[in-house]
Amino acid sequence: MGKIVQTAGRNTLGEFAPEFAHFNDDVLFGENWNNQDIDVKTRSIITVVALMASGITDSSLRYHLQNAKEMVFPIGAQNDGFAQYFSGRSFLTSISTSQVGIFNVTFEPGCRNNWHIHHAKSGGGQILVCVAGRGYYQEEGKEAIEMRPGDCINISTGVKHWHGAAPDEWFSHLAIEVPGENTFNEWIEPVSDEEYGKLQ
């Protein structure tokens, strides 16, 4: 099969929306469709999802397409239900709820959640496993810890902390809810720009 070259986006919208034209022609119907390491079915799914994801920006589409081979879990929908507790946009999808809650959370560059505490009468807490990109985890009074794919953080109940993306990279982690009695989250103040600005 010869290389597919798409020019429809550039011919139609090149001057009006050059970024869209670039992502349509070069990324979605270029890099994606010419990637022989991904089977045709997967390429088709990526295309359909990308075309339907009208609420996702060009930058997140590029992230999703470029990391399709490495991404084990879907990026999910925009995390509107918890948006008030995040600085920046995040995306959320449920992986499992039958025995323990496992969720894939994806943060756009610069996005982080507020300081928060996991509470429980017994048990509880959370485990974070980085699955893509680069991000940070920080407990109050301690230095931030950089997270890369494969890194795991165990968060005990009663510990004030935050986590999120690096300033210039996307970040995805699994959030595993440790079973416990009377568990709940206490959301506190946002991570200040001054605090966050210290990270690289």
N, C-alpha and C. Protein backbone atom coordinates (compact mmCIF):
# COMPACT_ATOMS: atom_id res chain seq x y z
N MET A 1 0.84 -1.18 0.00
CA MET A 1 0.00 0.00 0.00
C MET A 1 0.88 1.24 0.00
N GLY A 2 0.60 2.18 -0.92
CA GLY A 2 1.38 3.40 -1.01
C GLY A 2 1.05 4.36 0.11
N LYS A 3 1.92 5.32 0.30
CA LYS A 3 1.71 6.32 1.34
C LYS A 3 0.51 7.19 1.01
N ILE A 4 -0.35 7.42 2.01
CA ILE A 4 -1.53 8.25 1.83
C ILE A 4 -1.13 9.70 2.09
N VAL A 5 -1.46 10.57 1.12
CA VAL A 5 -1.21 12.00 1.28
C VAL A 5 -2.55 12.71 1.20
N GLN A 6 -2.94 13.37 2.29
CA GLN A 6 -4.23 14.05 2.37
C GLN A 6 -4.01 15.56 2.27
N THR A 7 -4.78 16.22 1.43
CA THR A 7 -4.64 17.68 1.27
C THR A 7 -5.97 18.41 1.40
N ALA A 8 -7.05 17.68 1.69
CA ALA A 8 -8.38 18.30 1.73
C ALA A 8 -8.46 19.42 2.76
N GLY A 9 -7.92 19.17 3.95
CA GLY A 9 -7.98 20.20 4.99
C GLY A 9 -7.19 21.43 4.61
N ARG A 10 -5.99 21.23 4.05
CA ARG A 10 -5.14 22.37 3.69
C ARG A 10 -5.74 23.14 2.52
N ASN A 11 -6.30 22.42 1.53
CA ASN A 11 -6.88 23.09 0.37
C ASN A 11 -8.12 23.90 0.75
N THR A 12 -8.91 23.37 1.68
CA THR A 12 -10.17 24.02 2.04
C THR A 12 -10.02 25.06 3.15
N LEU A 13 -9.22 24.73 4.17
CA LEU A 13 -9.15 25.58 5.36
C LEU A 13 -7.73 26.04 5.71
N GLY A 14 -6.81 25.83 4.79
CA GLY A 14 -5.42 26.14 5.07
C GLY A 14 -5.15 27.54 5.55
N GLU A 15 -5.80 28.54 4.92
CA GLU A 15 -5.57 29.93 5.33
C GLU A 15 -6.42 30.31 6.53
N PHE A 16 -7.64 29.81 6.60
CA PHE A 16 -8.56 30.17 7.68
C PHE A 16 -8.19 29.48 8.99
N ALA A 17 -7.86 28.19 8.94
CA ALA A 17 -7.56 27.41 10.15
C ALA A 17 -6.35 26.52 9.88
N PRO A 18 -5.17 27.10 9.82
CA PRO A 18 -3.98 26.32 9.46
C PRO A 18 -3.68 25.18 10.43
N GLU A 19 -3.93 25.39 11.74
CA GLU A 19 -3.66 24.32 12.70
C GLU A 19 -4.58 23.12 12.45
N PHE A 20 -5.89 23.40 12.22
CA PHE A 20 -6.81 22.32 11.93
C PHE A 20 -6.37 21.58 10.67
N ALA A 21 -6.02 22.34 9.63
CA ALA A 21 -5.59 21.73 8.38
C ALA A 21 -4.38 20.82 8.61
N HIS A 22 -3.44 21.30 9.41
CA HIS A 22 -2.24 20.50 9.70
C HIS A 22 -2.60 19.20 10.41
N PHE A 23 -3.43 19.29 11.46
CA PHE A 23 -3.77 18.08 12.21
C PHE A 23 -4.61 17.12 11.38
N ASN A 24 -5.53 17.67 10.57
CA ASN A 24 -6.36 16.82 9.73
C ASN A 24 -5.51 16.09 8.68
N ASP A 25 -4.70 16.84 7.95
CA ASP A 25 -3.95 16.27 6.83
C ASP A 25 -2.71 15.50 7.27
N ASP A 26 -1.90 16.13 8.14
CA ASP A 26 -0.60 15.57 8.47
C ASP A 26 -0.63 14.56 9.62
N VAL A 27 -1.48 14.83 10.64
CA VAL A 27 -1.50 13.96 11.81
C VAL A 27 -2.54 12.86 11.67
N LEU A 28 -3.82 13.26 11.60
CA LEU A 28 -4.89 12.27 11.59
C LEU A 28 -4.85 11.39 10.35
N PHE A 29 -4.90 12.01 9.16
CA PHE A 29 -4.91 11.22 7.93
C PHE A 29 -3.54 11.04 7.32
N GLY A 30 -2.51 11.55 8.00
CA GLY A 30 -1.14 11.37 7.54
C GLY A 30 -0.40 10.38 8.42
N GLU A 31 0.07 10.86 9.60
CA GLU A 31 0.83 10.00 10.51
C GLU A 31 0.02 8.78 10.94
N ASN A 32 -1.25 9.00 11.30
CA ASN A 32 -2.08 7.89 11.78
C ASN A 32 -2.27 6.84 10.70
N TRP A 33 -2.73 7.26 9.51
CA TRP A 33 -3.05 6.30 8.46
C TRP A 33 -1.83 5.69 7.81
N ASN A 34 -0.67 6.31 7.95
CA ASN A 34 0.55 5.75 7.38
C ASN A 34 1.39 4.99 8.40
N ASN A 35 0.88 4.84 9.61
CA ASN A 35 1.61 4.12 10.66
C ASN A 35 1.34 2.62 10.53
N GLN A 36 2.26 1.91 9.91
CA GLN A 36 2.08 0.48 9.66
C GLN A 36 2.25 -0.37 10.92
N ASP A 37 2.69 0.25 12.02
CA ASP A 37 2.82 -0.48 13.28
C ASP A 37 1.47 -0.66 13.97
N ILE A 38 0.46 0.07 13.50
CA ILE A 38 -0.90 -0.04 14.07
C ILE A 38 -1.79 -0.68 13.02
N ASP A 39 -2.56 -1.69 13.41
CA ASP A 39 -3.43 -2.37 12.45
C ASP A 39 -4.54 -1.43 11.96
N VAL A 40 -5.14 -1.79 10.84
CA VAL A 40 -6.15 -0.95 10.20
C VAL A 40 -7.35 -0.71 11.11
N LYS A 41 -7.76 -1.73 11.86
CA LYS A 41 -8.91 -1.58 12.76
C LYS A 41 -8.62 -0.50 13.80
N THR A 42 -7.44 -0.55 14.41
CA THR A 42 -7.08 0.43 15.43
C THR A 42 -6.99 1.83 14.82
N ARG A 43 -6.40 1.93 13.60
CA ARG A 43 -6.33 3.23 12.94
C ARG A 43 -7.73 3.78 12.67
N SER A 44 -8.64 2.91 12.31
CA SER A 44 -10.02 3.33 12.06
C SER A 44 -10.67 3.83 13.33
N ILE A 45 -10.46 3.10 14.43
CA ILE A 45 -11.03 3.51 15.72
C ILE A 45 -10.49 4.87 16.13
N ILE A 46 -9.18 5.05 16.00
CA ILE A 46 -8.56 6.33 16.35
C ILE A 46 -9.18 7.45 15.53
N THR A 47 -9.38 7.21 14.25
CA THR A 47 -9.95 8.23 13.38
C THR A 47 -11.37 8.59 13.79
N VAL A 48 -12.20 7.58 14.02
CA VAL A 48 -13.59 7.82 14.39
C VAL A 48 -13.66 8.58 15.72
N VAL A 49 -12.87 8.12 16.70
CA VAL A 49 -12.87 8.79 18.01
C VAL A 49 -12.40 10.24 17.86
N ALA A 50 -11.36 10.45 17.08
CA ALA A 50 -10.83 11.80 16.90
C ALA A 50 -11.85 12.71 16.24
N LEU A 51 -12.53 12.21 15.23
CA LEU A 51 -13.52 13.03 14.53
C LEU A 51 -14.74 13.32 15.40
N MET A 52 -15.06 12.41 16.33
CA MET A 52 -16.23 12.61 17.19
C MET A 52 -15.90 13.47 18.40
N ALA A 53 -14.62 13.58 18.73
CA ALA A 53 -14.22 14.26 19.96
C ALA A 53 -14.15 15.76 19.74
N SER A 54 -15.26 16.37 19.45
CA SER A 54 -15.27 17.80 19.12
C SER A 54 -14.89 18.67 20.31
N GLY A 55 -15.04 18.17 21.53
CA GLY A 55 -14.70 18.96 22.70
C GLY A 55 -13.24 18.91 23.05
N ILE A 56 -12.44 18.13 22.33
CA ILE A 56 -11.03 17.98 22.64
C ILE A 56 -10.21 18.87 21.70
N THR A 57 -9.27 19.62 22.23
CA THR A 57 -8.50 20.56 21.43
C THR A 57 -7.52 19.85 20.51
N ASP A 58 -6.98 20.61 19.55
CA ASP A 58 -6.00 20.07 18.62
C ASP A 58 -4.81 19.49 19.36
N SER A 59 -4.35 20.17 20.45
CA SER A 59 -3.17 19.70 21.16
C SER A 59 -3.42 18.36 21.83
N SER A 60 -4.63 18.17 22.38
CA SER A 60 -4.92 16.89 23.02
C SER A 60 -5.12 15.80 21.98
N LEU A 61 -5.65 16.16 20.79
CA LEU A 61 -5.77 15.19 19.71
C LEU A 61 -4.39 14.72 19.28
N ARG A 62 -3.47 15.66 19.13
CA ARG A 62 -2.09 15.29 18.76
C ARG A 62 -1.49 14.36 19.81
N TYR A 63 -1.69 14.69 21.10
CA TYR A 63 -1.19 13.84 22.18
C TYR A 63 -1.76 12.43 22.06
N HIS A 64 -3.07 12.35 21.85
CA HIS A 64 -3.72 11.05 21.78
C HIS A 64 -3.21 10.23 20.60
N LEU A 65 -3.07 10.88 19.44
CA LEU A 65 -2.61 10.16 18.26
C LEU A 65 -1.15 9.74 18.37
N GLN A 66 -0.31 10.65 18.84
CA GLN A 66 1.12 10.34 18.90
C GLN A 66 1.42 9.27 19.94
N ASN A 67 0.57 9.13 20.95
CA ASN A 67 0.82 8.16 22.00
C ASN A 67 -0.09 6.94 21.91
N ALA A 68 -0.76 6.77 20.76
CA ALA A 68 -1.76 5.70 20.63
C ALA A 68 -1.14 4.32 20.88
N LYS A 69 0.09 4.12 20.41
CA LYS A 69 0.71 2.81 20.62
C LYS A 69 1.06 2.58 22.08
N GLU A 70 1.48 3.64 22.78
CA GLU A 70 1.90 3.50 24.16
C GLU A 70 0.72 3.56 25.14
N MET A 71 -0.35 4.24 24.76
CA MET A 71 -1.50 4.42 25.64
C MET A 71 -2.27 3.11 25.76
N VAL A 72 -2.33 2.57 26.97
CA VAL A 72 -3.06 1.34 27.21
C VAL A 72 -4.52 1.65 27.50
N PHE A 73 -4.78 2.81 28.10
CA PHE A 73 -6.13 3.17 28.53
C PHE A 73 -6.62 4.38 27.74
N PRO A 74 -7.92 4.48 27.52
CA PRO A 74 -8.46 5.62 26.79
C PRO A 74 -8.33 6.92 27.58
N ILE A 75 -8.30 8.05 26.85
CA ILE A 75 -8.17 9.35 27.50
C ILE A 75 -9.45 9.74 28.22
N GLY A 76 -10.59 9.28 27.75
CA GLY A 76 -11.85 9.57 28.41
C GLY A 76 -12.44 10.92 28.03
N ALA A 77 -13.51 11.28 28.70
CA ALA A 77 -14.21 12.54 28.44
C ALA A 77 -13.64 13.64 29.32
N GLN A 78 -13.89 14.88 28.92
CA GLN A 78 -13.45 16.00 29.74
C GLN A 78 -14.07 15.87 31.13
N ASN A 79 -13.25 16.11 32.14
CA ASN A 79 -13.61 15.85 33.54
C ASN A 79 -14.41 17.01 34.14
N ASP A 80 -15.60 17.25 33.58
CA ASP A 80 -16.40 18.40 34.00
C ASP A 80 -16.91 18.27 35.44
N GLY A 81 -17.18 17.04 35.89
CA GLY A 81 -17.73 16.84 37.22
C GLY A 81 -16.81 17.28 38.34
N PHE A 82 -15.49 17.27 38.08
CA PHE A 82 -14.52 17.67 39.09
C PHE A 82 -13.73 18.91 38.67
N ALA A 83 -14.19 19.59 37.62
CA ALA A 83 -13.44 20.73 37.07
C ALA A 83 -13.17 21.80 38.10
N GLN A 84 -14.08 21.97 39.06
CA GLN A 84 -13.89 23.02 40.08
C GLN A 84 -12.69 22.74 40.98
N TYR A 85 -12.19 21.51 40.98
CA TYR A 85 -11.06 21.14 41.83
C TYR A 85 -9.75 21.04 41.04
N PHE A 86 -9.76 21.51 39.79
CA PHE A 86 -8.58 21.43 38.94
C PHE A 86 -8.24 22.81 38.39
N SER A 87 -6.94 23.10 38.26
CA SER A 87 -6.46 24.26 37.53
C SER A 87 -6.04 23.74 36.16
N GLY A 88 -6.82 24.05 35.13
CA GLY A 88 -6.60 23.49 33.80
C GLY A 88 -7.57 22.35 33.53
N ARG A 89 -7.48 21.79 32.33
CA ARG A 89 -8.41 20.74 31.93
C ARG A 89 -7.85 19.35 32.17
N SER A 90 -8.74 18.47 32.60
CA SER A 90 -8.39 17.06 32.76
C SER A 90 -9.46 16.22 32.09
N PHE A 91 -9.12 14.95 31.87
CA PHE A 91 -10.02 14.00 31.22
C PHE A 91 -10.09 12.76 32.10
N LEU A 92 -11.24 12.11 32.14
CA LEU A 92 -11.46 11.01 33.09
C LEU A 92 -12.21 9.87 32.42
N THR A 93 -11.77 8.64 32.72
CA THR A 93 -12.51 7.46 32.29
C THR A 93 -12.38 6.38 33.36
N SER A 94 -13.44 5.63 33.53
CA SER A 94 -13.45 4.55 34.52
C SER A 94 -12.87 3.29 33.90
N ILE A 95 -11.95 2.66 34.61
CA ILE A 95 -11.37 1.39 34.15
C ILE A 95 -12.05 0.23 34.85
N SER A 96 -12.35 0.37 36.14
CA SER A 96 -13.01 -0.68 36.92
C SER A 96 -13.71 -0.07 38.12
N THR A 97 -14.89 -0.62 38.44
CA THR A 97 -15.60 -0.21 39.65
C THR A 97 -16.11 -1.41 40.44
N SER A 98 -15.87 -2.63 39.95
CA SER A 98 -16.50 -3.81 40.56
C SER A 98 -15.87 -4.22 41.89
N GLN A 99 -14.54 -4.20 42.03
CA GLN A 99 -13.90 -4.57 43.29
C GLN A 99 -13.25 -3.37 43.96
N VAL A 100 -12.47 -2.64 43.16
CA VAL A 100 -11.91 -1.37 43.62
C VAL A 100 -12.10 -0.37 42.49
N GLY A 101 -12.20 0.90 42.83
CA GLY A 101 -12.31 1.94 41.81
C GLY A 101 -10.96 2.22 41.18
N ILE A 102 -10.90 2.08 39.85
CA ILE A 102 -9.68 2.40 39.10
C ILE A 102 -10.08 3.34 37.98
N PHE A 103 -9.44 4.51 37.93
CA PHE A 103 -9.79 5.52 36.95
C PHE A 103 -8.53 6.02 36.26
N ASN A 104 -8.63 6.26 34.95
CA ASN A 104 -7.53 6.88 34.24
C ASN A 104 -7.80 8.37 34.17
N VAL A 105 -6.87 9.16 34.71
CA VAL A 105 -7.00 10.62 34.72
C VAL A 105 -5.88 11.17 33.84
N THR A 106 -6.26 12.01 32.88
CA THR A 106 -5.29 12.64 31.98
C THR A 106 -5.33 14.14 32.18
N PHE A 107 -4.16 14.75 32.34
CA PHE A 107 -4.03 16.18 32.59
C PHE A 107 -3.37 16.83 31.38
N GLU A 108 -3.92 17.96 30.91
CA GLU A 108 -3.22 18.71 29.87
C GLU A 108 -2.00 19.39 30.51
N PRO A 109 -1.02 19.84 29.70
CA PRO A 109 0.15 20.51 30.29
C PRO A 109 -0.26 21.65 31.22
N GLY A 110 0.36 21.69 32.39
CA GLY A 110 0.08 22.74 33.36
C GLY A 110 -1.11 22.47 34.26
N CYS A 111 -1.90 21.45 33.96
CA CYS A 111 -3.08 21.14 34.78
C CYS A 111 -2.68 20.38 36.04
N ARG A 112 -3.29 20.74 37.15
CA ARG A 112 -3.08 20.01 38.41
C ARG A 112 -4.36 20.12 39.23
N ASN A 113 -4.54 19.15 40.13
CA ASN A 113 -5.70 19.24 41.01
C ASN A 113 -5.35 20.06 42.25
N ASN A 114 -6.39 20.47 42.98
CA ASN A 114 -6.19 21.22 44.22
C ASN A 114 -5.52 20.35 45.28
N TRP A 115 -4.98 20.99 46.29
CA TRP A 115 -4.57 20.25 47.47
C TRP A 115 -5.80 19.51 47.98
N HIS A 116 -5.62 18.29 48.42
CA HIS A 116 -6.75 17.53 48.95
C HIS A 116 -6.25 16.45 49.90
N ILE A 117 -7.20 15.89 50.65
CA ILE A 117 -6.90 14.85 51.63
C ILE A 117 -7.92 13.73 51.47
N HIS A 118 -7.42 12.49 51.47
CA HIS A 118 -8.30 11.32 51.48
C HIS A 118 -8.56 10.93 52.94
N HIS A 119 -9.81 10.84 53.32
CA HIS A 119 -10.19 10.48 54.69
C HIS A 119 -10.87 9.12 54.70
N ALA A 120 -10.77 8.42 55.82
CA ALA A 120 -11.48 7.16 56.02
C ALA A 120 -11.48 6.82 57.50
N LYS A 121 -12.53 6.18 57.95
CA LYS A 121 -12.57 5.69 59.33
C LYS A 121 -11.55 4.57 59.50
N SER A 122 -11.44 3.73 58.47
CA SER A 122 -10.39 2.69 58.43
C SER A 122 -10.10 2.38 56.98
N GLY A 123 -8.88 1.91 56.71
CA GLY A 123 -8.48 1.64 55.33
C GLY A 123 -8.38 2.95 54.55
N GLY A 124 -8.73 2.88 53.26
CA GLY A 124 -8.77 4.08 52.43
C GLY A 124 -7.41 4.51 51.91
N GLY A 125 -7.40 5.67 51.32
CA GLY A 125 -6.20 6.17 50.66
C GLY A 125 -6.29 5.95 49.16
N GLN A 126 -5.19 6.19 48.48
CA GLN A 126 -5.18 6.10 47.02
C GLN A 126 -3.81 5.67 46.54
N ILE A 127 -3.78 5.00 45.39
CA ILE A 127 -2.53 4.62 44.73
C ILE A 127 -2.55 5.25 43.34
N LEU A 128 -1.46 5.92 42.97
CA LEU A 128 -1.32 6.50 41.64
C LEU A 128 -0.26 5.72 40.87
N VAL A 129 -0.57 5.36 39.62
CA VAL A 129 0.39 4.70 38.74
C VAL A 129 0.46 5.50 37.45
N CYS A 130 1.61 6.12 37.18
CA CYS A 130 1.77 6.88 35.95
C CYS A 130 1.77 5.93 34.75
N VAL A 131 0.94 6.24 33.74
CA VAL A 131 0.86 5.39 32.55
C VAL A 131 1.29 6.12 31.29
N ALA A 132 1.44 7.44 31.33
CA ALA A 132 1.89 8.17 30.14
C ALA A 132 2.32 9.58 30.54
N GLY A 133 3.26 10.12 29.81
CA GLY A 133 3.66 11.51 30.00
C GLY A 133 4.53 11.75 31.22
N ARG A 134 4.47 12.97 31.73
CA ARG A 134 5.29 13.37 32.88
C ARG A 134 4.48 14.28 33.78
N GLY A 135 4.53 14.00 35.08
CA GLY A 135 3.78 14.82 36.02
C GLY A 135 4.47 14.87 37.37
N TYR A 136 3.72 15.38 38.36
CA TYR A 136 4.27 15.54 39.70
C TYR A 136 3.25 15.13 40.76
N TYR A 137 3.80 14.69 41.88
CA TYR A 137 3.02 14.44 43.09
C TYR A 137 3.74 15.17 44.21
N GLN A 138 2.98 15.85 45.08
CA GLN A 138 3.62 16.56 46.19
C GLN A 138 2.76 16.48 47.44
N GLU A 139 3.43 16.18 48.56
CA GLU A 139 2.79 16.22 49.87
C GLU A 139 3.16 17.53 50.54
N GLU A 140 2.28 18.03 51.36
CA GLU A 140 2.52 19.29 52.06
C GLU A 140 3.81 19.20 52.87
N GLY A 141 4.65 20.22 52.73
CA GLY A 141 5.90 20.27 53.48
C GLY A 141 7.04 19.47 52.88
N LYS A 142 6.81 18.84 51.72
CA LYS A 142 7.85 18.03 51.08
C LYS A 142 8.07 18.51 49.65
N GLU A 143 9.22 18.12 49.08
CA GLU A 143 9.51 18.44 47.68
C GLU A 143 8.61 17.63 46.76
N ALA A 144 8.28 18.20 45.60
CA ALA A 144 7.48 17.49 44.60
C ALA A 144 8.29 16.32 44.03
N ILE A 145 7.60 15.24 43.73
CA ILE A 145 8.20 14.04 43.15
C ILE A 145 7.79 13.96 41.69
N GLU A 146 8.75 13.87 40.78
CA GLU A 146 8.44 13.72 39.36
C GLU A 146 7.93 12.30 39.10
N MET A 147 6.90 12.19 38.27
CA MET A 147 6.34 10.89 37.92
C MET A 147 6.46 10.66 36.41
N ARG A 148 6.95 9.49 36.05
CA ARG A 148 7.04 9.05 34.66
C ARG A 148 6.41 7.66 34.55
N PRO A 149 6.12 7.19 33.33
CA PRO A 149 5.44 5.89 33.17
C PRO A 149 6.10 4.79 33.99
N GLY A 150 5.27 4.09 34.77
CA GLY A 150 5.73 3.00 35.63
C GLY A 150 5.91 3.42 37.07
N ASP A 151 6.00 4.72 37.35
CA ASP A 151 6.15 5.18 38.73
C ASP A 151 4.84 5.01 39.50
N CYS A 152 4.98 4.65 40.77
CA CYS A 152 3.83 4.38 41.62
C CYS A 152 3.96 5.15 42.93
N ILE A 153 2.87 5.79 43.34
CA ILE A 153 2.82 6.55 44.58
C ILE A 153 1.69 5.99 45.45
N ASN A 154 2.01 5.67 46.70
CA ASN A 154 0.99 5.24 47.66
C ASN A 154 0.66 6.41 48.58
N ILE A 155 -0.61 6.77 48.63
CA ILE A 155 -1.04 7.93 49.41
C ILE A 155 -1.87 7.45 50.59
N SER A 156 -1.40 7.71 51.79
CA SER A 156 -2.12 7.32 53.01
C SER A 156 -3.24 8.31 53.29
N THR A 157 -4.20 7.89 54.06
CA THR A 157 -5.26 8.79 54.49
C THR A 157 -4.67 9.89 55.37
N GLY A 158 -5.31 11.05 55.37
CA GLY A 158 -4.88 12.15 56.22
C GLY A 158 -3.72 12.95 55.70
N VAL A 159 -3.21 12.64 54.50
CA VAL A 159 -2.04 13.34 53.95
C VAL A 159 -2.51 14.39 52.94
N LYS A 160 -2.17 15.65 53.18
CA LYS A 160 -2.52 16.72 52.25
C LYS A 160 -1.55 16.68 51.07
N HIS A 161 -2.08 16.67 49.85
CA HIS A 161 -1.24 16.48 48.67
C HIS A 161 -1.95 17.01 47.42
N TRP A 162 -1.22 17.03 46.31
CA TRP A 162 -1.78 17.32 44.99
C TRP A 162 -0.99 16.52 43.96
N HIS A 163 -1.55 16.40 42.75
CA HIS A 163 -0.83 15.78 41.64
C HIS A 163 -1.32 16.36 40.33
N GLY A 164 -0.46 16.34 39.32
CA GLY A 164 -0.84 16.89 38.03
C GLY A 164 0.29 16.86 37.03
N ALA A 165 0.05 17.47 35.88
CA ALA A 165 1.01 17.42 34.77
C ALA A 165 2.18 18.36 34.97
N ALA A 166 3.26 18.06 34.27
CA ALA A 166 4.38 18.99 34.19
C ALA A 166 3.92 20.21 33.39
N PRO A 167 4.61 21.33 33.52
CA PRO A 167 4.18 22.55 32.83
C PRO A 167 4.11 22.41 31.31
N ASP A 168 4.95 21.54 30.74
CA ASP A 168 5.05 21.46 29.29
C ASP A 168 4.74 20.08 28.72
N GLU A 169 4.14 19.19 29.52
CA GLU A 169 3.85 17.84 29.02
C GLU A 169 2.50 17.35 29.53
N TRP A 170 1.87 16.50 28.72
CA TRP A 170 0.67 15.81 29.16
C TRP A 170 1.04 14.75 30.19
N PHE A 171 0.06 14.31 30.96
CA PHE A 171 0.31 13.35 32.04
C PHE A 171 -0.95 12.52 32.26
N SER A 172 -0.78 11.20 32.31
CA SER A 172 -1.90 10.30 32.62
C SER A 172 -1.50 9.36 33.74
N HIS A 173 -2.39 9.20 34.70
CA HIS A 173 -2.15 8.20 35.75
C HIS A 173 -3.42 7.43 36.06
N LEU A 174 -3.23 6.22 36.52
CA LEU A 174 -4.34 5.47 37.08
C LEU A 174 -4.49 5.92 38.53
N ALA A 175 -5.71 6.20 38.93
CA ALA A 175 -6.02 6.51 40.33
C ALA A 175 -6.79 5.32 40.88
N ILE A 176 -6.18 4.61 41.81
CA ILE A 176 -6.77 3.41 42.40
C ILE A 176 -7.25 3.74 43.80
N GLU A 177 -8.55 3.62 44.00
CA GLU A 177 -9.14 3.94 45.30
C GLU A 177 -9.00 2.73 46.23
N VAL A 178 -8.26 2.90 47.32
CA VAL A 178 -8.07 1.82 48.28
C VAL A 178 -9.36 1.67 49.09
N PRO A 179 -9.94 0.46 49.15
CA PRO A 179 -11.19 0.28 49.90
C PRO A 179 -11.02 0.65 51.37
N GLY A 180 -12.08 1.21 51.93
CA GLY A 180 -12.06 1.59 53.33
C GLY A 180 -13.47 1.87 53.81
N GLU A 181 -13.56 2.24 55.07
CA GLU A 181 -14.85 2.52 55.68
C GLU A 181 -15.04 4.03 55.79
N ASN A 182 -16.21 4.50 55.36
CA ASN A 182 -16.55 5.94 55.40
C ASN A 182 -15.48 6.80 54.72
N THR A 183 -15.15 6.43 53.48
CA THR A 183 -14.12 7.18 52.74
C THR A 183 -14.72 8.43 52.08
N PHE A 184 -13.95 9.50 52.06
CA PHE A 184 -14.34 10.71 51.33
C PHE A 184 -13.11 11.58 51.10
N ASN A 185 -13.23 12.46 50.12
CA ASN A 185 -12.14 13.39 49.81
C ASN A 185 -12.48 14.77 50.34
N GLU A 186 -11.50 15.44 50.91
CA GLU A 186 -11.64 16.83 51.32
C GLU A 186 -10.82 17.68 50.36
N TRP A 187 -11.50 18.47 49.54
CA TRP A 187 -10.83 19.33 48.58
C TRP A 187 -10.51 20.67 49.25
N ILE A 188 -9.27 21.12 49.06
CA ILE A 188 -8.81 22.33 49.75
C ILE A 188 -8.46 23.38 48.68
N GLU A 189 -7.47 24.22 48.94
CA GLU A 189 -7.17 25.33 48.04
C GLU A 189 -6.39 24.87 46.81
N PRO A 190 -6.45 25.65 45.72
CA PRO A 190 -5.64 25.33 44.53
C PRO A 190 -4.15 25.45 44.83
N VAL A 191 -3.36 24.74 44.06
CA VAL A 191 -1.90 24.90 44.12
C VAL A 191 -1.60 26.26 43.48
N SER A 192 -0.91 27.11 44.18
CA SER A 192 -0.67 28.47 43.68
C SER A 192 0.27 28.45 42.47
N ASP A 193 0.14 29.47 41.63
CA ASP A 193 1.03 29.59 40.48
C ASP A 193 2.48 29.72 40.94
N GLU A 194 2.70 30.36 42.09
CA GLU A 194 4.06 30.51 42.61
C GLU A 194 4.66 29.15 42.98
N GLU A 195 3.87 28.33 43.69
CA GLU A 195 4.33 26.98 44.05
C GLU A 195 4.59 26.14 42.81
N TYR A 196 3.62 26.17 41.92
CA TYR A 196 3.71 25.34 40.72
C TYR A 196 4.84 25.82 39.80
N GLY A 197 5.06 27.12 39.79
CA GLY A 197 6.08 27.69 38.92
C GLY A 197 7.50 27.27 39.26
N LYS A 198 7.70 26.69 40.44
CA LYS A 198 9.03 26.22 40.84
C LYS A 198 9.41 24.91 40.14
N LEU A 199 8.41 24.23 39.55
CA LEU A 199 8.65 22.94 38.90
C LEU A 199 9.17 23.14 37.48
N GLN A 200 9.92 22.18 37.00
CA GLN A 200 10.47 22.24 35.65
C GLN A 200 9.78 21.23 34.74
